């Protein structure tokens, strides 16, 4: 299983916004903090807003804030919401090969995928922001608090 850059940016955006707490975050400052494309991040933020993870505040002093508390944002659910494809091998997508009738690979990989999500389901956004790591993350991202 490989997490796409899109999901990575989604997680990093939520981390940044959560670190700022009630203070508004902008796409520009998030993009600058991570040195990533503002245009790509705009798509990520739009989806996070549409799916209810972020709240977009309109207006001159608008921006983004977390839509809820970090302890209620489950990492497994977020990855399921954002990732598009969990087909680890071709047969996950319905394609058949010569081995389909006797192959155990699909079952084994499906069990591995279940274990992957079972692990992620045990964590929330709050688990990514514990003290004293939180202070270090704020320093590394150059967030003014």
N, C-alpha and C. Protein backbone atom coordinates (compact mmCIF):
# COMPACT_ATOMS: atom_id res chain seq x y z
N UNK A 1 0.85 -1.19 0.00
CA UNK A 1 0.00 0.00 0.00
C UNK A 1 0.89 1.23 0.00
N UNK A 2 0.59 2.13 -0.87
CA UNK A 2 1.33 3.37 -0.96
C UNK A 2 0.35 4.52 -0.84
N UNK A 3 0.61 5.41 0.09
CA UNK A 3 -0.21 6.61 0.26
C UNK A 3 0.20 7.60 -0.82
N UNK A 4 -0.78 8.16 -1.51
CA UNK A 4 -0.47 9.13 -2.56
C UNK A 4 -0.03 10.46 -1.96
N UNK A 5 0.60 11.26 -2.80
CA UNK A 5 1.01 12.60 -2.39
C UNK A 5 -0.22 13.42 -1.97
N UNK A 6 -1.33 13.20 -2.64
CA UNK A 6 -2.57 13.91 -2.33
C UNK A 6 -3.00 13.65 -0.88
N UNK A 7 -2.94 12.39 -0.47
CA UNK A 7 -3.30 12.04 0.91
C UNK A 7 -2.26 12.58 1.89
N UNK A 8 -0.99 12.51 1.51
CA UNK A 8 0.07 13.08 2.33
C UNK A 8 -0.18 14.57 2.57
N UNK A 9 -0.49 15.30 1.50
CA UNK A 9 -0.78 16.74 1.63
C UNK A 9 -2.03 16.97 2.48
N UNK A 10 -3.00 16.09 2.36
CA UNK A 10 -4.21 16.21 3.18
C UNK A 10 -3.87 16.08 4.67
N UNK A 11 -3.07 15.09 5.00
CA UNK A 11 -2.66 14.89 6.39
C UNK A 11 -1.83 16.07 6.89
N UNK A 12 -0.88 16.52 6.07
CA UNK A 12 -0.04 17.64 6.49
C UNK A 12 -0.84 18.93 6.65
N UNK A 13 -1.83 19.13 5.79
CA UNK A 13 -2.69 20.30 5.91
C UNK A 13 -3.45 20.27 7.23
N UNK A 14 -4.03 19.12 7.55
CA UNK A 14 -4.77 19.00 8.81
C UNK A 14 -3.87 19.18 10.02
N UNK A 15 -2.65 18.68 9.94
CA UNK A 15 -1.69 18.87 11.04
C UNK A 15 -1.42 20.36 11.23
N UNK A 16 -1.15 21.05 10.14
CA UNK A 16 -0.84 22.48 10.21
C UNK A 16 -2.01 23.26 10.80
N UNK A 17 -3.19 23.03 10.26
CA UNK A 17 -4.37 23.76 10.72
C UNK A 17 -4.67 23.44 12.19
N UNK A 18 -4.49 22.19 12.58
CA UNK A 18 -4.72 21.81 13.98
C UNK A 18 -3.73 22.49 14.91
N UNK A 19 -2.49 22.61 14.46
CA UNK A 19 -1.47 23.27 15.29
C UNK A 19 -1.81 24.74 15.53
N UNK A 20 -2.49 25.36 14.59
CA UNK A 20 -2.87 26.77 14.74
C UNK A 20 -4.11 26.95 15.61
N UNK A 21 -4.79 25.87 15.91
CA UNK A 21 -5.96 25.95 16.79
C UNK A 21 -7.08 26.76 16.16
N UNK A 22 -7.60 27.73 16.90
CA UNK A 22 -8.72 28.54 16.41
C UNK A 22 -8.29 29.62 15.43
N UNK A 23 -6.98 29.84 15.33
CA UNK A 23 -6.48 30.87 14.42
C UNK A 23 -6.62 30.39 12.97
N UNK A 24 -6.98 31.30 12.09
CA UNK A 24 -7.16 31.01 10.68
C UNK A 24 -5.82 30.68 10.01
N UNK A 25 -5.84 29.69 9.12
CA UNK A 25 -4.68 29.33 8.30
C UNK A 25 -5.03 29.64 6.85
N UNK A 26 -4.03 30.01 6.06
CA UNK A 26 -4.26 30.24 4.63
C UNK A 26 -3.55 29.17 3.82
N UNK A 27 -4.04 28.98 2.62
CA UNK A 27 -3.41 28.02 1.72
C UNK A 27 -1.97 28.43 1.45
N UNK A 28 -1.74 29.71 1.27
CA UNK A 28 -0.39 30.19 0.99
C UNK A 28 0.57 29.86 2.13
N UNK A 29 0.16 30.10 3.36
CA UNK A 29 1.09 29.83 4.47
C UNK A 29 1.34 28.33 4.64
N UNK A 30 0.33 27.52 4.38
CA UNK A 30 0.51 26.06 4.46
C UNK A 30 1.46 25.60 3.35
N UNK A 31 1.23 26.09 2.14
CA UNK A 31 2.09 25.73 1.01
C UNK A 31 3.53 26.18 1.28
N UNK A 32 3.69 27.38 1.80
CA UNK A 32 5.03 27.89 2.10
C UNK A 32 5.70 27.08 3.20
N UNK A 33 4.95 26.72 4.22
CA UNK A 33 5.51 25.97 5.35
C UNK A 33 6.05 24.61 4.90
N UNK A 34 5.36 23.97 3.97
CA UNK A 34 5.77 22.64 3.51
C UNK A 34 6.54 22.68 2.19
N UNK A 35 6.67 23.88 1.62
CA UNK A 35 7.33 24.05 0.32
C UNK A 35 6.68 23.16 -0.74
N UNK A 36 5.35 23.27 -0.84
CA UNK A 36 4.59 22.51 -1.83
C UNK A 36 3.79 23.47 -2.70
N UNK A 37 3.30 22.96 -3.81
CA UNK A 37 2.56 23.76 -4.78
C UNK A 37 1.25 24.28 -4.20
N UNK A 38 1.07 25.59 -4.29
CA UNK A 38 -0.17 26.22 -3.83
C UNK A 38 -1.35 25.73 -4.66
N UNK A 39 -1.16 25.59 -5.97
CA UNK A 39 -2.24 25.13 -6.85
C UNK A 39 -2.69 23.72 -6.49
N UNK A 40 -1.73 22.83 -6.23
CA UNK A 40 -2.08 21.46 -5.85
C UNK A 40 -2.78 21.46 -4.49
N UNK A 41 -2.27 22.28 -3.59
CA UNK A 41 -2.85 22.34 -2.25
C UNK A 41 -4.28 22.88 -2.27
N UNK A 42 -4.59 23.76 -3.21
CA UNK A 42 -5.96 24.29 -3.32
C UNK A 42 -6.96 23.16 -3.58
N UNK A 43 -6.58 22.19 -4.41
CA UNK A 43 -7.45 21.04 -4.69
C UNK A 43 -7.64 20.19 -3.44
N UNK A 44 -6.56 20.00 -2.72
CA UNK A 44 -6.60 19.21 -1.48
C UNK A 44 -7.52 19.88 -0.47
N UNK A 45 -7.34 21.17 -0.29
CA UNK A 45 -8.14 21.92 0.68
C UNK A 45 -9.62 21.92 0.30
N UNK A 46 -9.90 22.05 -0.99
CA UNK A 46 -11.29 22.02 -1.43
C UNK A 46 -11.95 20.69 -1.07
N UNK A 47 -11.23 19.60 -1.29
CA UNK A 47 -11.80 18.29 -0.96
C UNK A 47 -11.96 18.12 0.55
N UNK A 48 -10.95 18.57 1.33
CA UNK A 48 -11.06 18.47 2.79
C UNK A 48 -12.23 19.31 3.31
N UNK A 49 -12.48 20.43 2.68
CA UNK A 49 -13.62 21.27 3.04
C UNK A 49 -14.93 20.57 2.66
N UNK A 50 -14.99 20.04 1.45
CA UNK A 50 -16.21 19.36 0.98
C UNK A 50 -16.54 18.13 1.82
N UNK A 51 -15.51 17.47 2.33
CA UNK A 51 -15.74 16.25 3.12
C UNK A 51 -15.90 16.54 4.61
N UNK A 52 -15.84 17.83 4.97
CA UNK A 52 -16.13 18.21 6.35
C UNK A 52 -14.95 18.21 7.30
N UNK A 53 -13.73 18.04 6.81
CA UNK A 53 -12.56 18.07 7.68
C UNK A 53 -12.11 19.49 8.00
N UNK A 54 -12.31 20.38 7.03
CA UNK A 54 -11.95 21.78 7.21
C UNK A 54 -13.18 22.66 7.07
N UNK A 55 -13.08 23.82 7.66
CA UNK A 55 -14.11 24.84 7.51
C UNK A 55 -13.46 26.03 6.81
N UNK A 56 -14.00 26.39 5.65
CA UNK A 56 -13.48 27.55 4.92
C UNK A 56 -14.20 28.79 5.41
N UNK A 57 -13.41 29.79 5.81
CA UNK A 57 -13.95 31.07 6.27
C UNK A 57 -13.75 32.06 5.13
N UNK A 58 -14.83 32.60 4.62
CA UNK A 58 -14.76 33.52 3.49
C UNK A 58 -14.49 34.95 3.95
N UNK A 59 -14.09 35.77 3.01
CA UNK A 59 -13.90 37.18 3.30
C UNK A 59 -12.45 37.59 3.27
N UNK A 60 -12.23 38.88 3.50
CA UNK A 60 -10.91 39.47 3.42
C UNK A 60 -9.91 38.79 4.36
N UNK A 61 -10.31 38.50 5.55
CA UNK A 61 -9.44 37.84 6.53
C UNK A 61 -9.77 36.35 6.66
N UNK A 62 -10.27 35.79 5.57
CA UNK A 62 -10.69 34.39 5.57
C UNK A 62 -9.53 33.42 5.51
N UNK A 63 -9.88 32.18 5.53
CA UNK A 63 -8.89 31.12 5.49
C UNK A 63 -9.53 29.81 5.92
N UNK A 64 -8.76 29.02 6.63
CA UNK A 64 -9.19 27.68 7.00
C UNK A 64 -9.04 27.45 8.49
N UNK A 65 -9.94 26.64 9.00
CA UNK A 65 -9.77 26.14 10.35
C UNK A 65 -10.32 24.72 10.37
N UNK A 66 -9.90 23.99 11.37
CA UNK A 66 -10.35 22.62 11.52
C UNK A 66 -11.85 22.61 11.82
N UNK A 67 -12.56 21.69 11.22
CA UNK A 67 -14.00 21.56 11.46
C UNK A 67 -14.21 20.48 12.52
N UNK A 68 -13.98 20.85 13.76
CA UNK A 68 -14.10 19.90 14.86
C UNK A 68 -12.78 19.77 15.61
N UNK A 69 -12.77 18.89 16.55
CA UNK A 69 -11.59 18.68 17.38
C UNK A 69 -10.69 17.59 16.78
N UNK A 70 -9.36 17.74 16.91
CA UNK A 70 -8.44 16.74 16.35
C UNK A 70 -8.70 15.32 16.84
N UNK A 71 -9.16 15.16 18.07
CA UNK A 71 -9.38 13.81 18.59
C UNK A 71 -10.57 13.10 17.93
N UNK A 72 -11.36 13.83 17.14
CA UNK A 72 -12.49 13.21 16.45
C UNK A 72 -12.21 12.97 14.96
N UNK A 73 -11.01 13.30 14.51
CA UNK A 73 -10.65 13.06 13.11
C UNK A 73 -9.79 11.79 13.07
N UNK A 74 -10.42 10.71 12.63
CA UNK A 74 -9.77 9.40 12.58
C UNK A 74 -8.91 9.29 11.33
N UNK A 75 -7.67 8.87 11.51
CA UNK A 75 -6.72 8.78 10.39
C UNK A 75 -7.15 7.71 9.37
N UNK A 76 -7.62 6.58 9.83
CA UNK A 76 -8.08 5.53 8.91
C UNK A 76 -9.24 6.01 8.05
N UNK A 77 -10.21 6.67 8.66
CA UNK A 77 -11.34 7.20 7.90
C UNK A 77 -10.90 8.26 6.90
N UNK A 78 -9.97 9.11 7.32
CA UNK A 78 -9.46 10.14 6.42
C UNK A 78 -8.81 9.51 5.19
N UNK A 79 -7.95 8.53 5.40
CA UNK A 79 -7.27 7.89 4.27
C UNK A 79 -8.29 7.22 3.35
N UNK A 80 -9.28 6.55 3.91
CA UNK A 80 -10.33 5.94 3.09
C UNK A 80 -11.10 7.00 2.29
N UNK A 81 -11.34 8.16 2.91
CA UNK A 81 -12.07 9.24 2.24
C UNK A 81 -11.28 9.87 1.11
N UNK A 82 -9.97 9.94 1.25
CA UNK A 82 -9.14 10.68 0.30
C UNK A 82 -8.55 9.78 -0.79
N UNK A 83 -8.07 8.61 -0.43
CA UNK A 83 -7.45 7.71 -1.41
C UNK A 83 -8.50 7.21 -2.41
N UNK A 84 -8.08 7.05 -3.63
CA UNK A 84 -8.98 6.62 -4.70
C UNK A 84 -8.90 5.12 -5.01
N UNK A 85 -7.74 4.53 -4.77
CA UNK A 85 -7.53 3.17 -5.27
C UNK A 85 -6.81 2.32 -4.22
N UNK A 86 -7.47 1.25 -3.81
CA UNK A 86 -6.86 0.32 -2.85
C UNK A 86 -6.56 -1.02 -3.50
N UNK A 87 -6.55 -1.05 -4.82
CA UNK A 87 -6.25 -2.29 -5.54
C UNK A 87 -4.74 -2.52 -5.50
N UNK A 88 -4.32 -3.40 -4.61
CA UNK A 88 -2.90 -3.67 -4.46
C UNK A 88 -2.33 -4.45 -5.64
N UNK A 89 -3.16 -5.29 -6.21
CA UNK A 89 -2.77 -6.04 -7.41
C UNK A 89 -3.96 -6.03 -8.36
N UNK A 90 -3.72 -6.42 -9.60
CA UNK A 90 -4.75 -6.36 -10.65
C UNK A 90 -6.04 -7.06 -10.28
N UNK A 91 -5.94 -8.19 -9.63
CA UNK A 91 -7.15 -8.97 -9.34
C UNK A 91 -8.07 -8.27 -8.34
N UNK A 92 -7.58 -7.28 -7.62
CA UNK A 92 -8.45 -6.50 -6.73
C UNK A 92 -9.46 -5.70 -7.53
N UNK A 93 -9.11 -5.39 -8.77
CA UNK A 93 -9.96 -4.58 -9.64
C UNK A 93 -10.89 -5.42 -10.49
N UNK A 94 -10.95 -6.70 -10.25
CA UNK A 94 -11.83 -7.58 -11.00
C UNK A 94 -11.16 -8.28 -12.17
N UNK A 95 -9.93 -7.92 -12.47
CA UNK A 95 -9.22 -8.58 -13.56
C UNK A 95 -8.88 -10.01 -13.14
N UNK A 96 -8.95 -10.90 -14.09
CA UNK A 96 -8.62 -12.29 -13.78
C UNK A 96 -7.31 -12.68 -14.44
N UNK A 97 -6.62 -13.56 -13.78
CA UNK A 97 -5.40 -14.12 -14.36
C UNK A 97 -5.52 -15.64 -14.31
N UNK A 98 -4.56 -16.34 -14.82
CA UNK A 98 -4.56 -17.80 -14.85
C UNK A 98 -4.64 -18.42 -13.45
N UNK A 99 -4.14 -17.69 -12.47
CA UNK A 99 -4.06 -18.25 -11.12
C UNK A 99 -5.30 -18.00 -10.26
N UNK A 100 -6.25 -17.24 -10.74
CA UNK A 100 -7.38 -16.79 -9.94
C UNK A 100 -8.06 -17.91 -9.15
N UNK A 101 -8.30 -19.04 -9.76
CA UNK A 101 -9.04 -20.11 -9.08
C UNK A 101 -8.28 -20.73 -7.91
N UNK A 102 -6.96 -20.65 -7.91
CA UNK A 102 -6.17 -21.30 -6.86
C UNK A 102 -5.26 -20.35 -6.08
N UNK A 103 -5.21 -19.11 -6.47
CA UNK A 103 -4.25 -18.18 -5.87
C UNK A 103 -4.70 -17.69 -4.50
N UNK A 104 -3.78 -17.63 -3.58
CA UNK A 104 -4.05 -17.13 -2.24
C UNK A 104 -3.54 -15.70 -2.06
N UNK A 105 -2.82 -15.18 -3.07
CA UNK A 105 -2.22 -13.85 -2.97
C UNK A 105 -3.26 -12.77 -2.68
N UNK A 106 -4.37 -12.82 -3.38
CA UNK A 106 -5.41 -11.80 -3.18
C UNK A 106 -5.90 -11.81 -1.73
N UNK A 107 -6.14 -12.97 -1.18
CA UNK A 107 -6.60 -13.09 0.21
C UNK A 107 -5.55 -12.56 1.18
N UNK A 108 -4.31 -12.93 0.96
CA UNK A 108 -3.23 -12.48 1.85
C UNK A 108 -3.06 -10.97 1.78
N UNK A 109 -3.06 -10.42 0.57
CA UNK A 109 -2.92 -8.97 0.43
C UNK A 109 -4.13 -8.22 0.99
N UNK A 110 -5.31 -8.82 0.84
CA UNK A 110 -6.51 -8.21 1.42
C UNK A 110 -6.41 -8.19 2.95
N UNK A 111 -5.89 -9.25 3.54
CA UNK A 111 -5.67 -9.29 4.99
C UNK A 111 -4.66 -8.23 5.42
N UNK A 112 -3.63 -8.05 4.61
CA UNK A 112 -2.62 -7.02 4.91
C UNK A 112 -3.24 -5.63 4.83
N UNK A 113 -4.09 -5.39 3.84
CA UNK A 113 -4.76 -4.10 3.71
C UNK A 113 -5.69 -3.86 4.91
N UNK A 114 -6.39 -4.90 5.33
CA UNK A 114 -7.24 -4.79 6.52
C UNK A 114 -6.41 -4.45 7.76
N UNK A 115 -5.25 -5.07 7.89
CA UNK A 115 -4.37 -4.78 9.03
C UNK A 115 -3.85 -3.34 8.97
N UNK A 116 -3.52 -2.88 7.77
CA UNK A 116 -3.08 -1.50 7.57
C UNK A 116 -4.14 -0.53 8.08
N UNK A 117 -5.39 -0.73 7.64
CA UNK A 117 -6.46 0.17 8.08
C UNK A 117 -6.82 -0.02 9.54
N UNK A 118 -6.70 -1.23 10.03
CA UNK A 118 -6.95 -1.46 11.44
C UNK A 118 -5.98 -0.65 12.29
N UNK A 119 -4.74 -0.58 11.87
CA UNK A 119 -3.74 0.22 12.59
C UNK A 119 -4.09 1.70 12.50
N UNK A 120 -4.36 2.20 11.29
CA UNK A 120 -4.71 3.61 11.12
C UNK A 120 -5.97 3.99 11.89
N UNK A 121 -6.92 3.05 11.97
CA UNK A 121 -8.17 3.32 12.70
C UNK A 121 -7.94 3.56 14.18
N UNK A 122 -6.80 3.14 14.68
CA UNK A 122 -6.48 3.33 16.09
C UNK A 122 -5.92 4.71 16.41
N UNK A 123 -5.80 5.57 15.42
CA UNK A 123 -5.19 6.88 15.62
C UNK A 123 -6.09 8.01 15.13
N UNK A 124 -5.95 9.14 15.80
CA UNK A 124 -6.66 10.35 15.39
C UNK A 124 -5.63 11.44 15.09
N UNK A 125 -6.12 12.54 14.58
CA UNK A 125 -5.25 13.69 14.33
C UNK A 125 -4.58 14.14 15.62
N UNK A 126 -5.27 14.05 16.72
CA UNK A 126 -4.69 14.44 18.02
C UNK A 126 -3.47 13.60 18.36
N UNK A 127 -3.46 12.33 17.94
CA UNK A 127 -2.31 11.46 18.21
C UNK A 127 -1.06 11.91 17.46
N UNK A 128 -1.24 12.68 16.41
CA UNK A 128 -0.10 13.19 15.63
C UNK A 128 0.46 14.48 16.23
N UNK A 129 -0.19 15.00 17.27
CA UNK A 129 0.17 16.31 17.82
C UNK A 129 0.43 16.29 19.33
N UNK A 130 1.08 15.26 19.87
CA UNK A 130 1.26 15.21 21.32
C UNK A 130 2.33 16.21 21.79
N UNK A 131 2.23 16.61 23.04
CA UNK A 131 3.31 17.40 23.65
C UNK A 131 4.43 16.41 23.96
N UNK A 132 5.71 16.73 23.88
CA UNK A 132 6.30 17.99 23.44
C UNK A 132 6.49 18.08 21.94
N UNK A 133 6.10 17.04 21.18
CA UNK A 133 6.24 17.08 19.72
C UNK A 133 5.51 18.26 19.12
N UNK A 134 4.41 18.63 19.74
CA UNK A 134 3.60 19.73 19.24
C UNK A 134 4.42 21.02 19.14
N UNK A 135 5.15 21.33 20.18
CA UNK A 135 5.98 22.54 20.17
C UNK A 135 7.05 22.48 19.09
N UNK A 136 7.62 21.30 18.92
CA UNK A 136 8.65 21.13 17.89
C UNK A 136 8.04 21.26 16.49
N UNK A 137 6.87 20.71 16.29
CA UNK A 137 6.19 20.85 15.00
C UNK A 137 5.90 22.32 14.69
N UNK A 138 5.44 23.04 15.68
CA UNK A 138 5.16 24.48 15.51
C UNK A 138 6.44 25.21 15.13
N UNK A 139 7.54 24.86 15.77
CA UNK A 139 8.83 25.50 15.46
C UNK A 139 9.27 25.13 14.05
N UNK A 140 9.18 23.86 13.69
CA UNK A 140 9.63 23.41 12.38
C UNK A 140 8.82 24.04 11.24
N UNK A 141 7.54 24.25 11.48
CA UNK A 141 6.68 24.83 10.46
C UNK A 141 6.64 26.35 10.53
N UNK A 142 7.37 26.90 11.49
CA UNK A 142 7.46 28.35 11.65
C UNK A 142 6.08 28.99 11.82
N UNK A 143 5.28 28.37 12.68
CA UNK A 143 3.93 28.88 12.95
C UNK A 143 4.01 29.86 14.11
N UNK A 144 3.50 31.05 13.88
CA UNK A 144 3.47 32.07 14.94
C UNK A 144 2.28 31.80 15.84
N UNK A 145 2.55 31.60 17.11
CA UNK A 145 1.46 31.40 18.10
C UNK A 145 1.57 32.37 19.23
